[in-house]
Amino acid sequence: MVDADEIASFKHRGSSGPAEMPFTPQHFELARGDVETLLPCLREVPLRKAFNGLMSYAPDGFPLIGPIRSKPGLWVTI
């Protein structure tokens, strides 16, 4: 969890934007291990881009989700 006061503005965060935080490999290890257990073929696949991104939630505690207008059929969580 990130306190709202810790989220930098675009001016202070630069091109990565306010929702991207520095990558911390130790926080990723558990998730990577779970992925490798479920999908063994990914064990030898290196990360192409590593980042920590903040995920927004609606007041009901669920993530924001919706379609991408320029890509019919593609939905993302924000």
Protein backbone atom coordinates (compact mmCIF):
# COMPACT_ATOMS: atom_id res chain seq x y z
CA MET A 1 0.00 0.00 0.00
CA VAL A 2 1.17 3.50 -0.79
CA ASP A 3 0.00 6.55 1.09
CA ALA A 4 -1.50 9.20 -1.20
CA ASP A 5 1.14 11.68 -0.02
CA GLU A 6 3.87 9.39 -1.42
CA ILE A 7 2.54 9.59 -4.98
CA ALA A 8 4.61 12.11 -6.89
CA SER A 9 3.24 14.46 -9.50
CA PHE A 10 4.18 14.07 -13.18
CA LYS A 11 6.50 17.04 -12.72
CA HIS A 12 8.51 15.25 -10.02
CA ARG A 13 8.32 11.66 -11.34
CA GLY A 14 9.34 12.41 -14.92
CA SER A 15 8.40 10.27 -17.89
CA SER A 16 7.45 7.22 -15.81
CA GLY A 17 4.43 9.02 -14.38
CA PRO A 18 3.10 9.16 -10.84
CA ALA A 19 1.84 5.56 -10.77
CA GLU A 20 5.27 3.98 -11.31
CA MET A 21 7.51 3.37 -8.32
CA PRO A 22 11.10 2.03 -8.27
CA PHE A 23 11.35 -1.73 -8.90
CA THR A 24 12.26 -3.78 -5.83
CA PRO A 25 13.32 -7.35 -6.77
CA GLN A 26 12.72 -8.70 -3.25
CA HIS A 27 9.03 -7.78 -3.49
CA PHE A 28 8.74 -9.60 -6.82
CA GLU A 29 10.32 -12.92 -5.76
CA LEU A 30 7.14 -14.49 -4.33
CA ALA A 31 5.05 -13.60 -7.39
CA ARG A 32 7.76 -14.85 -9.76
CA GLY A 33 7.94 -18.14 -7.85
CA ASP A 34 4.18 -18.60 -8.12
CA VAL A 35 4.27 -17.91 -11.87
CA GLU A 36 7.08 -20.42 -12.36
CA THR A 37 5.09 -23.05 -10.45
CA LEU A 38 1.97 -22.49 -12.57
CA LEU A 39 3.84 -22.02 -15.86
CA PRO A 40 7.16 -23.90 -15.74
CA CYS A 41 7.99 -22.82 -19.31
CA LEU A 42 8.57 -19.29 -17.96
CA ARG A 43 11.34 -20.33 -15.55
CA GLU A 44 14.10 -19.39 -17.98
CA VAL A 45 12.39 -16.32 -19.45
CA PRO A 46 14.04 -13.07 -18.35
CA LEU A 47 12.05 -9.99 -17.45
CA ARG A 48 11.82 -7.51 -20.31
CA LYS A 49 10.78 -4.59 -18.17
CA ALA A 50 10.59 -4.50 -14.39
CA PHE A 51 8.60 -1.84 -12.57
CA ASN A 52 6.34 -1.35 -9.59
CA GLY A 53 3.03 0.17 -10.55
CA LEU A 54 0.31 1.48 -8.31
CA MET A 55 -3.13 -0.03 -8.78
CA SER A 56 -6.21 2.12 -8.27
CA TYR A 57 -9.27 0.80 -6.48
CA ALA A 58 -12.88 1.92 -6.45
CA PRO A 59 -14.56 2.74 -3.10
CA ASP A 60 -15.93 -0.83 -2.97
CA GLY A 61 -12.36 -2.20 -2.85
CA PHE A 62 -12.40 -3.70 -6.35
CA PRO A 63 -9.95 -2.63 -9.10
CA LEU A 64 -10.99 -0.25 -11.85
CA ILE A 65 -11.49 -2.14 -15.11
CA GLY A 66 -12.61 -1.17 -18.57
CA PRO A 67 -12.22 -1.53 -22.32
CA ILE A 68 -9.55 0.15 -24.42
CA ARG A 69 -11.39 2.13 -27.13
CA SER A 70 -8.61 1.83 -29.69
CA LYS A 71 -8.28 -1.98 -29.22
CA PRO A 72 -11.67 -3.73 -29.46
CA GLY A 73 -11.89 -6.70 -27.10
CA LEU A 74 -8.99 -5.57 -24.88
CA TRP A 75 -9.86 -4.78 -21.25
CA VAL A 76 -7.42 -3.65 -18.58
CA THR A 77 -7.37 -2.97 -14.88
CA ILE A 78 -6.12 0.39 -13.78
